[in-house]
Amino acid sequence: MQISIEISLYPLAEQQFKTEIWRFIKKLRQVKGLTVVTNGMSSQIFGEYDLAVNTVMAEIKKVHQQLNTAVFVCKFIAGNLSQVEAES
């Protein structure tokens, strides 16, 4: 089963917030089997359900352990929505 995850990280620390966001994204991009797409507002992760969910949750835990003050906003959608539908 495939899944699509949209996630945004909001570190509440004023210093180096972009560094923390990119560190999180780079960790996800290192995982074989996941596709990670980013834009200015969020990242989308596509892949096999267990791999994607377990990886995202493990990385969220690491951020919380390191920063103590970070907010994540997530959407978990069944299926791989990485393909854009053509307009009819």
N, C-alpha and C. Protein backbone atom coordinates (compact mmCIF):
# COMPACT_ATOMS: atom_id res chain seq x y z
N MET A 1 0.84 -1.18 0.00
CA MET A 1 0.00 0.00 0.00
C MET A 1 0.89 1.24 0.00
N GLN A 2 0.51 2.21 -0.78
CA GLN A 2 1.25 3.47 -0.89
C GLN A 2 0.60 4.56 -0.04
N ILE A 3 1.41 5.56 0.32
CA ILE A 3 0.90 6.69 1.09
C ILE A 3 1.56 7.98 0.60
N SER A 4 0.84 9.07 0.78
CA SER A 4 1.35 10.41 0.54
C SER A 4 1.26 11.16 1.86
N ILE A 5 2.35 11.80 2.25
CA ILE A 5 2.38 12.56 3.49
C ILE A 5 2.79 13.99 3.17
N GLU A 6 2.00 14.93 3.61
CA GLU A 6 2.39 16.34 3.51
C GLU A 6 2.75 16.79 4.92
N ILE A 7 3.91 17.43 5.06
CA ILE A 7 4.38 17.79 6.39
C ILE A 7 5.05 19.15 6.37
N SER A 8 4.79 19.91 7.41
CA SER A 8 5.46 21.19 7.62
C SER A 8 6.05 21.19 9.02
N LEU A 9 7.27 21.68 9.12
CA LEU A 9 7.97 21.77 10.41
C LEU A 9 8.12 23.24 10.76
N TYR A 10 7.73 23.57 11.99
CA TYR A 10 7.86 24.94 12.49
C TYR A 10 8.68 24.92 13.78
N PRO A 11 10.01 25.07 13.66
CA PRO A 11 10.82 25.16 14.88
C PRO A 11 10.48 26.47 15.59
N LEU A 12 10.24 26.42 16.87
CA LEU A 12 9.87 27.62 17.60
C LEU A 12 11.07 28.40 18.11
N ALA A 13 12.26 27.86 17.93
CA ALA A 13 13.47 28.58 18.28
C ALA A 13 13.75 29.62 17.20
N GLU A 14 14.16 30.78 17.60
CA GLU A 14 14.38 31.86 16.65
C GLU A 14 15.64 31.66 15.80
N GLN A 15 16.62 31.00 16.36
CA GLN A 15 17.89 30.85 15.65
C GLN A 15 17.89 29.60 14.79
N GLN A 16 18.45 29.70 13.61
CA GLN A 16 18.72 28.58 12.72
C GLN A 16 17.49 27.75 12.38
N PHE A 17 16.32 28.35 12.25
CA PHE A 17 15.15 27.55 11.94
C PHE A 17 15.24 26.92 10.55
N LYS A 18 15.83 27.62 9.59
CA LYS A 18 15.97 27.04 8.25
C LYS A 18 16.92 25.85 8.27
N THR A 19 17.96 25.93 9.07
CA THR A 19 18.91 24.82 9.19
C THR A 19 18.21 23.57 9.70
N GLU A 20 17.36 23.73 10.70
CA GLU A 20 16.64 22.58 11.28
C GLU A 20 15.66 21.99 10.27
N ILE A 21 14.99 22.82 9.52
CA ILE A 21 14.05 22.33 8.50
C ILE A 21 14.79 21.54 7.43
N TRP A 22 15.90 22.08 6.92
CA TRP A 22 16.64 21.39 5.88
C TRP A 22 17.30 20.11 6.39
N ARG A 23 17.72 20.10 7.65
CA ARG A 23 18.27 18.87 8.23
C ARG A 23 17.22 17.76 8.21
N PHE A 24 15.98 18.11 8.59
CA PHE A 24 14.87 17.15 8.59
C PHE A 24 14.60 16.63 7.17
N ILE A 25 14.54 17.53 6.21
CA ILE A 25 14.27 17.14 4.82
C ILE A 25 15.39 16.25 4.28
N LYS A 26 16.64 16.60 4.55
CA LYS A 26 17.77 15.81 4.05
C LYS A 26 17.76 14.40 4.62
N LYS A 27 17.36 14.24 5.88
CA LYS A 27 17.26 12.90 6.47
C LYS A 27 16.23 12.07 5.72
N LEU A 28 15.10 12.65 5.38
CA LEU A 28 14.07 11.93 4.64
C LEU A 28 14.55 11.57 3.24
N ARG A 29 15.27 12.48 2.60
CA ARG A 29 15.76 12.23 1.23
C ARG A 29 16.80 11.12 1.17
N GLN A 30 17.42 10.78 2.27
CA GLN A 30 18.43 9.72 2.30
C GLN A 30 17.83 8.33 2.31
N VAL A 31 16.53 8.23 2.51
CA VAL A 31 15.89 6.92 2.64
C VAL A 31 15.50 6.40 1.26
N LYS A 32 16.11 5.27 0.89
CA LYS A 32 15.81 4.63 -0.39
C LYS A 32 14.35 4.15 -0.36
N GLY A 33 13.63 4.45 -1.42
CA GLY A 33 12.23 4.04 -1.52
C GLY A 33 11.24 5.17 -1.25
N LEU A 34 11.76 6.30 -0.75
CA LEU A 34 10.89 7.46 -0.53
C LEU A 34 11.19 8.53 -1.57
N THR A 35 10.14 9.19 -2.02
CA THR A 35 10.28 10.36 -2.88
C THR A 35 9.88 11.56 -2.04
N VAL A 36 10.76 12.57 -1.99
CA VAL A 36 10.51 13.76 -1.18
C VAL A 36 10.54 14.98 -2.09
N VAL A 37 9.43 15.72 -2.09
CA VAL A 37 9.29 16.93 -2.89
C VAL A 37 9.05 18.08 -1.93
N THR A 38 9.77 19.19 -2.12
CA THR A 38 9.60 20.33 -1.23
C THR A 38 9.16 21.56 -2.01
N ASN A 39 8.49 22.44 -1.29
CA ASN A 39 8.20 23.78 -1.81
C ASN A 39 8.30 24.75 -0.65
N GLY A 40 7.92 25.98 -0.83
CA GLY A 40 8.08 26.99 0.20
C GLY A 40 7.20 26.81 1.42
N MET A 41 6.20 25.93 1.35
CA MET A 41 5.27 25.78 2.46
C MET A 41 5.29 24.43 3.14
N SER A 42 5.71 23.39 2.40
CA SER A 42 5.66 22.04 2.99
C SER A 42 6.55 21.10 2.20
N SER A 43 6.63 19.89 2.71
CA SER A 43 7.29 18.79 1.99
C SER A 43 6.28 17.69 1.80
N GLN A 44 6.39 16.99 0.68
CA GLN A 44 5.53 15.85 0.42
C GLN A 44 6.42 14.62 0.33
N ILE A 45 6.00 13.57 1.01
CA ILE A 45 6.73 12.31 1.02
C ILE A 45 5.82 11.25 0.43
N PHE A 46 6.34 10.50 -0.52
CA PHE A 46 5.57 9.46 -1.20
C PHE A 46 6.34 8.15 -1.10
N GLY A 47 5.61 7.06 -0.86
CA GLY A 47 6.27 5.77 -0.82
C GLY A 47 5.41 4.70 -0.20
N GLU A 48 6.04 3.55 0.06
CA GLU A 48 5.35 2.43 0.69
C GLU A 48 4.93 2.84 2.09
N TYR A 49 3.73 2.48 2.47
CA TYR A 49 3.07 2.96 3.69
C TYR A 49 3.94 2.82 4.94
N ASP A 50 4.35 1.61 5.27
CA ASP A 50 5.10 1.39 6.50
C ASP A 50 6.44 2.11 6.50
N LEU A 51 7.14 2.08 5.38
CA LEU A 51 8.43 2.77 5.28
C LEU A 51 8.25 4.27 5.49
N ALA A 52 7.30 4.86 4.81
CA ALA A 52 7.10 6.31 4.89
C ALA A 52 6.66 6.74 6.29
N VAL A 53 5.66 6.07 6.84
CA VAL A 53 5.14 6.45 8.15
C VAL A 53 6.19 6.24 9.23
N ASN A 54 6.84 5.09 9.24
CA ASN A 54 7.85 4.81 10.26
C ASN A 54 9.02 5.78 10.18
N THR A 55 9.45 6.11 8.96
CA THR A 55 10.56 7.04 8.79
C THR A 55 10.18 8.44 9.26
N VAL A 56 9.03 8.91 8.84
CA VAL A 56 8.59 10.25 9.25
C VAL A 56 8.44 10.34 10.76
N MET A 57 7.83 9.35 11.37
CA MET A 57 7.64 9.39 12.83
C MET A 57 8.97 9.34 13.57
N ALA A 58 9.92 8.55 13.08
CA ALA A 58 11.23 8.48 13.72
C ALA A 58 11.96 9.82 13.62
N GLU A 59 11.86 10.48 12.48
CA GLU A 59 12.52 11.77 12.31
C GLU A 59 11.83 12.86 13.12
N ILE A 60 10.51 12.80 13.25
CA ILE A 60 9.79 13.74 14.11
C ILE A 60 10.28 13.58 15.55
N LYS A 61 10.41 12.34 15.99
CA LYS A 61 10.88 12.10 17.36
C LYS A 61 12.27 12.69 17.58
N LYS A 62 13.17 12.51 16.61
CA LYS A 62 14.52 13.07 16.73
C LYS A 62 14.49 14.59 16.85
N VAL A 63 13.65 15.23 16.05
CA VAL A 63 13.55 16.70 16.12
C VAL A 63 13.04 17.12 17.49
N HIS A 64 12.02 16.44 18.00
CA HIS A 64 11.50 16.79 19.31
C HIS A 64 12.54 16.57 20.41
N GLN A 65 13.34 15.55 20.28
CA GLN A 65 14.38 15.30 21.27
C GLN A 65 15.47 16.37 21.22
N GLN A 66 15.76 16.87 20.03
CA GLN A 66 16.83 17.85 19.87
C GLN A 66 16.37 19.27 20.18
N LEU A 67 15.18 19.63 19.72
CA LEU A 67 14.74 21.03 19.81
C LEU A 67 13.81 21.30 20.99
N ASN A 68 13.04 20.34 21.40
CA ASN A 68 12.04 20.49 22.45
C ASN A 68 10.90 21.43 22.08
N THR A 69 11.13 22.35 21.17
CA THR A 69 10.08 23.30 20.80
C THR A 69 9.92 23.34 19.28
N ALA A 70 9.22 22.36 18.75
CA ALA A 70 8.95 22.30 17.32
C ALA A 70 7.53 21.81 17.10
N VAL A 71 6.87 22.39 16.12
CA VAL A 71 5.52 22.00 15.78
C VAL A 71 5.53 21.38 14.39
N PHE A 72 4.84 20.27 14.22
CA PHE A 72 4.66 19.64 12.92
C PHE A 72 3.19 19.67 12.56
N VAL A 73 2.91 19.98 11.30
CA VAL A 73 1.55 19.88 10.77
C VAL A 73 1.63 18.84 9.66
N CYS A 74 0.81 17.79 9.78
CA CYS A 74 0.91 16.65 8.85
C CYS A 74 -0.45 16.28 8.28
N LYS A 75 -0.41 15.77 7.05
CA LYS A 75 -1.57 15.14 6.42
C LYS A 75 -1.10 13.78 5.91
N PHE A 76 -1.85 12.74 6.21
CA PHE A 76 -1.55 11.39 5.74
C PHE A 76 -2.68 10.98 4.81
N ILE A 77 -2.34 10.69 3.55
CA ILE A 77 -3.35 10.40 2.53
C ILE A 77 -3.03 9.05 1.90
N ALA A 78 -3.99 8.15 1.91
CA ALA A 78 -3.79 6.83 1.30
C ALA A 78 -3.55 6.99 -0.19
N GLY A 79 -2.59 6.23 -0.70
CA GLY A 79 -2.28 6.25 -2.12
C GLY A 79 -1.12 7.18 -2.43
N ASN A 80 -0.57 7.01 -3.60
CA ASN A 80 0.54 7.84 -4.06
C ASN A 80 -0.02 8.95 -4.93
N LEU A 81 -0.03 10.17 -4.40
CA LEU A 81 -0.58 11.30 -5.13
C LEU A 81 0.50 12.13 -5.79
N SER A 82 1.65 11.54 -6.05
CA SER A 82 2.75 12.29 -6.65
C SER A 82 2.51 12.61 -8.12
N GLN A 83 1.60 11.90 -8.73
CA GLN A 83 1.28 12.15 -10.13
C GLN A 83 0.17 13.20 -10.22
N VAL A 84 0.41 14.27 -10.95
CA VAL A 84 -0.59 15.31 -11.13
C VAL A 84 -1.59 14.85 -12.18
N GLU A 85 -2.87 14.98 -11.83
CA GLU A 85 -3.91 14.58 -12.79
C GLU A 85 -4.01 15.63 -13.89
N ALA A 86 -4.19 15.16 -15.10
CA ALA A 86 -4.37 16.07 -16.24
C ALA A 86 -5.80 16.62 -16.22
N GLU A 87 -5.91 17.89 -16.60
CA GLU A 87 -7.25 18.49 -16.67
C GLU A 87 -7.97 17.94 -17.88
N SER A 88 -9.28 17.71 -17.73
CA SER A 88 -10.03 17.21 -18.88
C SER A 88 -10.72 18.31 -19.61
